[in-house]
Amino acid sequence: MTETWDPAGDGVLRLPSGRLVRGRGLYHAHGRGAHSPSAAHAPEPGFGLYVLGRRPPETTWPMRWLHWPDFWVPRDRSAAIEAITDAWDRTRCQRVEVACAGGRGRTGTVLSCMVVLDGVPNRAAVAYVRAHYDRKAVEMPWQRRFVETFPASKS
């Protein structure tokens, strides 16, 4: 059974293939902020990828933590590529959520990498995410470079 997000939901990004993924800021967990669904109205994710400098709180859904300090790139590039690719694969049949503290820099970087996996050229991915998710996504030049060098999907 395929579980998906409401395309009009807060923070939901439609990838070029039609897959949906939700980005949000964990500091806005109760409906405060642009990418923060109200806990009373949004369904739980089927899977969460959390990109933070320290381990996130436990969730009731399956999740993965990727060590990624604020305003930087992930500590382990190969682990990041594997985690982002896994999360993108899951968007085919699960409600996948990507979140960092604020929902813009690291989350925007991951969403941009998912856009690359979905077939958008690396140099166009950040613009796609800024146009369809948050105009301030991917905050730092080195985050943009991470997206520009992210390996495209082989499928």
N, C-alpha and C. Protein backbone atom coordinates (compact mmCIF):
# COMPACT_ATOMS: atom_id res chain seq x y z
N MET A 1 0.84 -1.19 0.00
CA MET A 1 0.00 0.00 0.00
C MET A 1 0.89 1.25 0.00
N THR A 2 0.57 2.19 -0.85
CA THR A 2 1.33 3.42 -0.93
C THR A 2 0.71 4.46 -0.01
N GLU A 3 1.53 5.04 0.85
CA GLU A 3 1.11 6.13 1.72
C GLU A 3 1.80 7.39 1.21
N THR A 4 1.06 8.45 1.06
CA THR A 4 1.65 9.67 0.54
C THR A 4 1.16 10.87 1.33
N TRP A 5 1.81 11.98 1.13
CA TRP A 5 1.44 13.24 1.77
C TRP A 5 0.34 13.92 0.98
N ASP A 6 -0.37 14.81 1.62
CA ASP A 6 -1.29 15.70 0.94
C ASP A 6 -0.42 16.69 0.16
N PRO A 7 -0.57 16.75 -1.17
CA PRO A 7 0.30 17.64 -1.96
C PRO A 7 0.21 19.11 -1.52
N ALA A 8 -0.89 19.50 -0.90
CA ALA A 8 -1.05 20.89 -0.46
C ALA A 8 -0.59 21.08 0.99
N GLY A 9 -0.08 20.04 1.61
CA GLY A 9 0.34 20.11 3.00
C GLY A 9 1.56 21.00 3.20
N ASP A 10 1.71 21.51 4.42
CA ASP A 10 2.86 22.35 4.77
C ASP A 10 4.16 21.62 4.51
N GLY A 11 5.06 22.25 3.77
CA GLY A 11 6.39 21.71 3.55
C GLY A 11 6.49 20.58 2.56
N VAL A 12 5.38 20.21 1.90
CA VAL A 12 5.41 19.09 0.96
C VAL A 12 5.96 19.56 -0.38
N LEU A 13 6.98 18.84 -0.85
CA LEU A 13 7.62 19.12 -2.14
C LEU A 13 7.25 18.01 -3.11
N ARG A 14 6.73 18.39 -4.26
CA ARG A 14 6.49 17.42 -5.33
C ARG A 14 7.74 17.36 -6.19
N LEU A 15 8.36 16.18 -6.22
CA LEU A 15 9.51 15.97 -7.07
C LEU A 15 9.06 15.90 -8.52
N PRO A 16 9.95 16.10 -9.48
CA PRO A 16 9.55 16.07 -10.90
C PRO A 16 8.83 14.79 -11.32
N SER A 17 9.15 13.68 -10.68
CA SER A 17 8.49 12.40 -11.01
C SER A 17 7.09 12.30 -10.45
N GLY A 18 6.72 13.23 -9.58
CA GLY A 18 5.41 13.18 -8.92
C GLY A 18 5.48 12.67 -7.50
N ARG A 19 6.60 12.09 -7.10
CA ARG A 19 6.76 11.65 -5.71
C ARG A 19 6.66 12.85 -4.78
N LEU A 20 6.20 12.61 -3.57
CA LEU A 20 6.07 13.68 -2.57
C LEU A 20 6.99 13.40 -1.39
N VAL A 21 7.59 14.46 -0.87
CA VAL A 21 8.43 14.38 0.32
C VAL A 21 8.15 15.64 1.14
N ARG A 22 8.16 15.49 2.45
CA ARG A 22 7.91 16.65 3.31
C ARG A 22 9.20 17.10 3.97
N GLY A 23 9.45 18.39 3.93
CA GLY A 23 10.55 18.99 4.67
C GLY A 23 9.98 19.83 5.79
N ARG A 24 10.70 19.88 6.90
CA ARG A 24 10.24 20.74 8.00
C ARG A 24 11.38 21.03 8.96
N GLY A 25 11.13 22.00 9.81
CA GLY A 25 12.05 22.34 10.87
C GLY A 25 11.58 21.74 12.18
N LEU A 26 12.44 21.04 12.86
CA LEU A 26 12.05 20.39 14.12
C LEU A 26 11.79 21.39 15.23
N TYR A 27 12.35 22.61 15.14
CA TYR A 27 12.07 23.62 16.15
C TYR A 27 10.65 24.14 16.05
N HIS A 28 9.96 23.76 14.98
CA HIS A 28 8.59 24.21 14.76
C HIS A 28 7.64 23.03 14.77
N ALA A 29 7.79 22.14 15.71
CA ALA A 29 7.07 20.86 15.70
C ALA A 29 5.56 20.98 15.89
N HIS A 30 5.06 22.09 16.36
CA HIS A 30 3.63 22.17 16.64
C HIS A 30 2.93 23.26 15.83
N GLY A 31 3.26 23.33 14.55
CA GLY A 31 2.55 24.23 13.68
C GLY A 31 3.10 25.64 13.62
N ARG A 32 4.24 25.90 14.24
CA ARG A 32 4.84 27.23 14.19
C ARG A 32 5.92 27.22 13.12
N GLY A 33 5.78 28.06 12.13
CA GLY A 33 6.80 28.15 11.09
C GLY A 33 6.31 27.64 9.76
N ALA A 34 6.98 28.04 8.71
CA ALA A 34 6.55 27.76 7.35
C ALA A 34 6.52 26.28 7.00
N HIS A 35 7.38 25.48 7.59
CA HIS A 35 7.47 24.08 7.20
C HIS A 35 7.15 23.17 8.37
N SER A 36 6.10 23.50 9.11
CA SER A 36 5.81 22.78 10.32
C SER A 36 4.35 22.43 10.40
N PRO A 37 4.01 21.22 10.00
CA PRO A 37 2.61 20.84 10.02
C PRO A 37 2.09 20.76 11.45
N SER A 38 0.85 21.07 11.60
CA SER A 38 0.21 20.95 12.90
C SER A 38 0.12 19.47 13.26
N ALA A 39 0.57 19.11 14.44
CA ALA A 39 0.57 17.71 14.85
C ALA A 39 -0.84 17.13 14.86
N ALA A 40 -1.83 17.96 15.07
CA ALA A 40 -3.20 17.48 15.12
C ALA A 40 -3.76 17.17 13.74
N HIS A 41 -3.18 17.71 12.67
CA HIS A 41 -3.76 17.56 11.35
C HIS A 41 -2.92 16.76 10.36
N ALA A 42 -1.65 16.66 10.55
CA ALA A 42 -0.79 15.96 9.60
C ALA A 42 -0.59 14.51 10.04
N PRO A 43 -0.61 13.59 9.09
CA PRO A 43 -0.33 12.20 9.45
C PRO A 43 1.15 12.03 9.81
N GLU A 44 1.44 10.97 10.52
CA GLU A 44 2.83 10.68 10.86
C GLU A 44 3.58 10.24 9.60
N PRO A 45 4.87 10.51 9.55
CA PRO A 45 5.67 9.99 8.44
C PRO A 45 5.75 8.47 8.52
N GLY A 46 6.00 7.86 7.37
CA GLY A 46 6.32 6.44 7.35
C GLY A 46 7.80 6.24 7.62
N PHE A 47 8.58 7.30 7.37
CA PHE A 47 10.03 7.27 7.57
C PHE A 47 10.52 8.70 7.70
N GLY A 48 11.49 8.92 8.56
CA GLY A 48 12.08 10.24 8.72
C GLY A 48 13.59 10.20 8.57
N LEU A 49 14.12 11.17 7.85
CA LEU A 49 15.57 11.37 7.76
C LEU A 49 15.87 12.69 8.47
N TYR A 50 16.61 12.62 9.56
CA TYR A 50 16.88 13.79 10.39
C TYR A 50 18.35 14.15 10.30
N VAL A 51 18.61 15.36 9.83
CA VAL A 51 19.97 15.84 9.56
C VAL A 51 20.31 16.92 10.58
N LEU A 52 20.98 16.48 11.63
CA LEU A 52 21.22 17.33 12.79
C LEU A 52 22.62 17.10 13.34
N GLY A 53 23.10 18.08 14.11
CA GLY A 53 24.40 17.97 14.75
C GLY A 53 24.42 17.02 15.93
N ARG A 54 23.24 16.74 16.49
CA ARG A 54 23.14 15.76 17.58
C ARG A 54 21.92 14.88 17.36
N ARG A 55 21.94 13.74 18.00
CA ARG A 55 20.87 12.75 17.82
C ARG A 55 19.50 13.36 18.15
N PRO A 56 18.51 13.14 17.27
CA PRO A 56 17.17 13.67 17.53
C PRO A 56 16.43 12.82 18.56
N PRO A 57 15.33 13.32 19.09
CA PRO A 57 14.52 12.51 20.00
C PRO A 57 13.96 11.29 19.26
N GLU A 58 13.63 10.28 20.00
CA GLU A 58 13.03 9.08 19.41
C GLU A 58 11.68 9.42 18.79
N THR A 59 11.30 8.66 17.77
CA THR A 59 10.02 8.84 17.10
C THR A 59 9.25 7.53 17.18
N THR A 60 7.96 7.58 16.86
CA THR A 60 7.14 6.36 16.82
C THR A 60 7.19 5.72 15.44
N TRP A 61 7.87 6.35 14.48
CA TRP A 61 8.02 5.82 13.13
C TRP A 61 9.50 5.52 12.88
N PRO A 62 9.79 4.68 11.89
CA PRO A 62 11.19 4.41 11.56
C PRO A 62 11.90 5.69 11.13
N MET A 63 13.14 5.83 11.56
CA MET A 63 13.90 7.04 11.23
C MET A 63 15.37 6.73 11.15
N ARG A 64 16.07 7.69 10.57
CA ARG A 64 17.53 7.61 10.48
C ARG A 64 18.10 8.98 10.80
N TRP A 65 19.15 8.99 11.57
CA TRP A 65 19.84 10.24 11.91
C TRP A 65 21.13 10.30 11.12
N LEU A 66 21.35 11.44 10.47
CA LEU A 66 22.58 11.69 9.76
C LEU A 66 23.29 12.84 10.47
N HIS A 67 24.51 12.59 10.95
CA HIS A 67 25.26 13.63 11.68
C HIS A 67 25.66 14.73 10.70
N TRP A 68 25.05 15.91 10.91
CA TRP A 68 25.23 17.02 9.97
C TRP A 68 25.14 18.32 10.76
N PRO A 69 26.26 18.94 11.11
CA PRO A 69 26.24 20.18 11.89
C PRO A 69 25.53 21.33 11.16
N ASP A 70 24.91 22.19 11.94
CA ASP A 70 24.17 23.33 11.40
C ASP A 70 25.09 24.19 10.52
N PHE A 71 24.60 24.61 9.38
CA PHE A 71 25.28 25.47 8.40
C PHE A 71 26.44 24.79 7.68
N TRP A 72 26.58 23.48 7.81
CA TRP A 72 27.69 22.78 7.18
C TRP A 72 27.20 21.71 6.23
N VAL A 73 28.05 20.79 5.91
CA VAL A 73 27.72 19.61 5.11
C VAL A 73 27.90 18.40 6.01
N PRO A 74 27.41 17.24 5.61
CA PRO A 74 27.51 16.09 6.50
C PRO A 74 28.96 15.69 6.79
N ARG A 75 29.16 15.15 7.97
CA ARG A 75 30.50 14.70 8.39
C ARG A 75 31.01 13.55 7.51
N ASP A 76 30.09 12.66 7.11
CA ASP A 76 30.46 11.47 6.33
C ASP A 76 29.71 11.51 5.00
N ARG A 77 30.41 11.91 3.94
CA ARG A 77 29.78 12.07 2.62
C ARG A 77 29.16 10.78 2.11
N SER A 78 29.86 9.66 2.22
CA SER A 78 29.32 8.41 1.69
C SER A 78 28.09 7.96 2.48
N ALA A 79 28.09 8.15 3.79
CA ALA A 79 26.90 7.83 4.59
C ALA A 79 25.73 8.73 4.19
N ALA A 80 26.02 9.99 3.90
CA ALA A 80 24.97 10.92 3.48
C ALA A 80 24.38 10.50 2.14
N ILE A 81 25.22 10.15 1.20
CA ILE A 81 24.73 9.72 -0.12
C ILE A 81 23.83 8.50 0.04
N GLU A 82 24.26 7.55 0.86
CA GLU A 82 23.47 6.33 1.08
C GLU A 82 22.14 6.66 1.76
N ALA A 83 22.16 7.51 2.79
CA ALA A 83 20.94 7.84 3.52
C ALA A 83 19.95 8.62 2.66
N ILE A 84 20.45 9.58 1.89
CA ILE A 84 19.58 10.38 1.03
C ILE A 84 18.99 9.52 -0.08
N THR A 85 19.80 8.64 -0.66
CA THR A 85 19.30 7.74 -1.70
C THR A 85 18.24 6.80 -1.14
N ASP A 86 18.47 6.27 0.06
CA ASP A 86 17.49 5.40 0.70
C ASP A 86 16.17 6.15 0.95
N ALA A 87 16.26 7.37 1.48
CA ALA A 87 15.05 8.16 1.73
C ALA A 87 14.31 8.44 0.42
N TRP A 88 15.05 8.78 -0.64
CA TRP A 88 14.42 9.04 -1.94
C TRP A 88 13.74 7.77 -2.45
N ASP A 89 14.39 6.61 -2.34
CA ASP A 89 13.77 5.34 -2.74
C ASP A 89 12.45 5.12 -2.01
N ARG A 90 12.43 5.44 -0.73
CA ARG A 90 11.23 5.24 0.09
C ARG A 90 10.06 6.14 -0.33
N THR A 91 10.35 7.26 -1.00
CA THR A 91 9.26 8.16 -1.39
C THR A 91 8.32 7.51 -2.40
N ARG A 92 8.73 6.41 -3.00
CA ARG A 92 7.85 5.70 -3.94
C ARG A 92 6.61 5.17 -3.25
N CYS A 93 6.72 4.77 -1.97
CA CYS A 93 5.58 4.13 -1.32
C CYS A 93 5.36 4.53 0.13
N GLN A 94 6.15 5.48 0.63
CA GLN A 94 6.01 5.91 2.02
C GLN A 94 5.96 7.42 2.12
N ARG A 95 5.37 7.89 3.23
CA ARG A 95 5.44 9.32 3.57
C ARG A 95 6.81 9.55 4.19
N VAL A 96 7.69 10.19 3.45
CA VAL A 96 9.05 10.46 3.93
C VAL A 96 9.14 11.92 4.36
N GLU A 97 9.74 12.12 5.50
CA GLU A 97 9.97 13.46 6.04
C GLU A 97 11.47 13.67 6.17
N VAL A 98 11.93 14.85 5.77
CA VAL A 98 13.31 15.27 5.96
C VAL A 98 13.26 16.49 6.87
N ALA A 99 14.08 16.50 7.90
CA ALA A 99 14.03 17.64 8.82
C ALA A 99 15.38 17.93 9.44
N CYS A 100 15.61 19.22 9.65
CA CYS A 100 16.74 19.70 10.44
C CYS A 100 16.14 20.63 11.48
N ALA A 101 16.93 21.46 12.09
CA ALA A 101 16.41 22.34 13.14
C ALA A 101 15.44 23.38 12.58
N GLY A 102 15.85 24.09 11.52
CA GLY A 102 15.03 25.16 10.98
C GLY A 102 14.25 24.82 9.72
N GLY A 103 14.64 23.75 9.03
CA GLY A 103 13.91 23.32 7.84
C GLY A 103 14.34 23.97 6.54
N ARG A 104 15.48 24.66 6.53
CA ARG A 104 15.91 25.36 5.31
C ARG A 104 17.25 24.89 4.77
N GLY A 105 18.32 25.07 5.54
CA GLY A 105 19.66 24.81 5.03
C GLY A 105 19.94 23.35 4.76
N ARG A 106 20.01 22.56 5.83
CA ARG A 106 20.30 21.14 5.67
C ARG A 106 19.14 20.42 5.00
N THR A 107 17.91 20.73 5.42
CA THR A 107 16.74 20.10 4.79
C THR A 107 16.69 20.45 3.31
N GLY A 108 16.89 21.71 2.97
CA GLY A 108 16.89 22.13 1.57
C GLY A 108 17.98 21.45 0.77
N THR A 109 19.13 21.23 1.40
CA THR A 109 20.23 20.54 0.73
C THR A 109 19.84 19.09 0.43
N VAL A 110 19.26 18.40 1.40
CA VAL A 110 18.82 17.02 1.18
C VAL A 110 17.74 16.97 0.10
N LEU A 111 16.77 17.88 0.17
CA LEU A 111 15.71 17.90 -0.84
C LEU A 111 16.30 18.15 -2.23
N SER A 112 17.29 19.03 -2.31
CA SER A 112 17.95 19.29 -3.60
C SER A 112 18.64 18.03 -4.12
N CYS A 113 19.26 17.28 -3.23
CA CYS A 113 19.90 16.02 -3.65
C CYS A 113 18.85 15.02 -4.13
N MET A 114 17.69 15.01 -3.48
CA MET A 114 16.60 14.12 -3.93
C MET A 114 16.11 14.54 -5.32
N VAL A 115 16.09 15.83 -5.57
CA VAL A 115 15.71 16.34 -6.89
C VAL A 115 16.71 15.85 -7.94
N VAL A 116 18.00 15.84 -7.60
CA VAL A 116 19.02 15.31 -8.50
C VAL A 116 18.74 13.83 -8.77
N LEU A 117 18.47 13.07 -7.71
CA LEU A 117 18.16 11.65 -7.89
C LEU A 117 16.92 11.45 -8.76
N ASP A 118 16.03 12.42 -8.73
CA ASP A 118 14.78 12.36 -9.50
C ASP A 118 14.97 12.81 -10.95
N GLY A 119 16.19 13.19 -11.32
CA GLY A 119 16.48 13.46 -12.73
C GLY A 119 16.78 14.90 -13.11
N VAL A 120 16.74 15.82 -12.16
CA VAL A 120 17.04 17.22 -12.46
C VAL A 120 18.57 17.38 -12.46
N PRO A 121 19.13 18.12 -13.42
CA PRO A 121 20.58 18.34 -13.42
C PRO A 121 21.04 19.00 -12.10
N ASN A 122 22.21 18.61 -11.64
CA ASN A 122 22.73 19.10 -10.36
C ASN A 122 22.67 20.62 -10.24
N ARG A 123 23.08 21.33 -11.27
CA ARG A 123 23.13 22.80 -11.19
C ARG A 123 21.76 23.45 -11.16
N ALA A 124 20.70 22.71 -11.49
CA ALA A 124 19.33 23.25 -11.47
C ALA A 124 18.56 22.82 -10.22
N ALA A 125 19.10 21.92 -9.44
CA ALA A 125 18.36 21.33 -8.32
C ALA A 125 18.03 22.34 -7.22
N VAL A 126 18.98 23.18 -6.85
CA VAL A 126 18.72 24.16 -5.78
C VAL A 126 17.63 25.13 -6.23
N ALA A 127 17.69 25.58 -7.46
CA ALA A 127 16.65 26.50 -7.97
C ALA A 127 15.28 25.83 -7.94
N TYR A 128 15.21 24.55 -8.25
CA TYR A 128 13.94 23.82 -8.21
C TYR A 128 13.38 23.82 -6.78
N VAL A 129 14.24 23.50 -5.82
CA VAL A 129 13.79 23.45 -4.42
C VAL A 129 13.40 24.84 -3.93
N ARG A 130 14.15 25.85 -4.31
CA ARG A 130 13.80 27.22 -3.91
C ARG A 130 12.47 27.65 -4.53
N ALA A 131 12.18 27.22 -5.73
CA ALA A 131 10.93 27.59 -6.39
C ALA A 131 9.73 26.82 -5.84
N HIS A 132 9.94 25.58 -5.39
CA HIS A 132 8.81 24.72 -5.02
C HIS A 132 8.72 24.37 -3.54
N TYR A 133 9.73 24.74 -2.75
CA TYR A 133 9.72 24.42 -1.32
C TYR A 133 9.94 25.67 -0.46
N ASP A 134 11.10 26.30 -0.58
CA ASP A 134 11.42 27.48 0.23
C ASP A 134 12.45 28.31 -0.52
N ARG A 135 12.15 29.58 -0.72
CA ARG A 135 13.03 30.44 -1.51
C ARG A 135 14.39 30.66 -0.85
N LYS A 136 14.51 30.33 0.44
CA LYS A 136 15.79 30.48 1.15
C LYS A 136 16.48 29.14 1.42
N ALA A 137 16.02 28.07 0.79
CA ALA A 137 16.60 26.75 1.00
C ALA A 137 18.06 26.72 0.52
N VAL A 138 18.85 25.89 1.15
CA VAL A 138 20.28 25.71 0.86
C VAL A 138 20.98 27.05 1.15
N GLU A 139 21.37 27.20 2.40
CA GLU A 139 21.82 28.50 2.88
C GLU A 139 23.29 28.83 2.62
N MET A 140 24.14 27.84 2.52
CA MET A 140 25.57 28.11 2.46
C MET A 140 26.17 27.68 1.11
N PRO A 141 27.22 28.35 0.65
CA PRO A 141 27.84 27.99 -0.63
C PRO A 141 28.34 26.54 -0.65
N TRP A 142 28.86 26.04 0.46
CA TRP A 142 29.36 24.66 0.49
C TRP A 142 28.22 23.66 0.46
N GLN A 143 27.02 24.05 0.92
CA GLN A 143 25.85 23.17 0.77
C GLN A 143 25.46 23.09 -0.71
N ARG A 144 25.52 24.22 -1.40
CA ARG A 144 25.24 24.23 -2.84
C ARG A 144 26.25 23.34 -3.58
N ARG A 145 27.53 23.43 -3.21
CA ARG A 145 28.55 22.58 -3.85
C ARG A 145 28.28 21.11 -3.58
N PHE A 146 27.80 20.79 -2.38
CA PHE A 146 27.46 19.41 -2.06
C PHE A 146 26.40 18.89 -3.04
N VAL A 147 25.40 19.71 -3.31
CA VAL A 147 24.35 19.33 -4.27
C VAL A 147 24.93 19.22 -5.67
N GLU A 148 25.77 20.16 -6.06
CA GLU A 148 26.34 20.16 -7.40
C GLU A 148 27.24 18.96 -7.69
N THR A 149 27.75 18.33 -6.63
CA THR A 149 28.59 17.15 -6.81
C THR A 149 27.92 15.85 -6.37
N PHE A 150 26.63 15.94 -6.05
CA PHE A 150 25.91 14.74 -5.60
C PHE A 150 25.71 13.80 -6.80
N PRO A 151 25.97 12.50 -6.60
CA PRO A 151 25.84 11.57 -7.75
C PRO A 151 24.37 11.38 -8.16
N ALA A 152 24.13 11.49 -9.45
CA ALA A 152 22.78 11.29 -9.99
C ALA A 152 22.40 9.83 -9.93
N SER A 153 21.11 9.57 -9.94
CA SER A 153 20.58 8.21 -9.89
C SER A 153 21.02 7.43 -11.14
N LYS A 154 21.25 6.17 -10.94
CA LYS A 154 21.64 5.31 -12.07
C LYS A 154 20.42 4.61 -12.66
N SER A 155 19.24 4.82 -12.09
CA SER A 155 18.05 4.13 -12.60
C SER A 155 17.27 4.96 -13.59
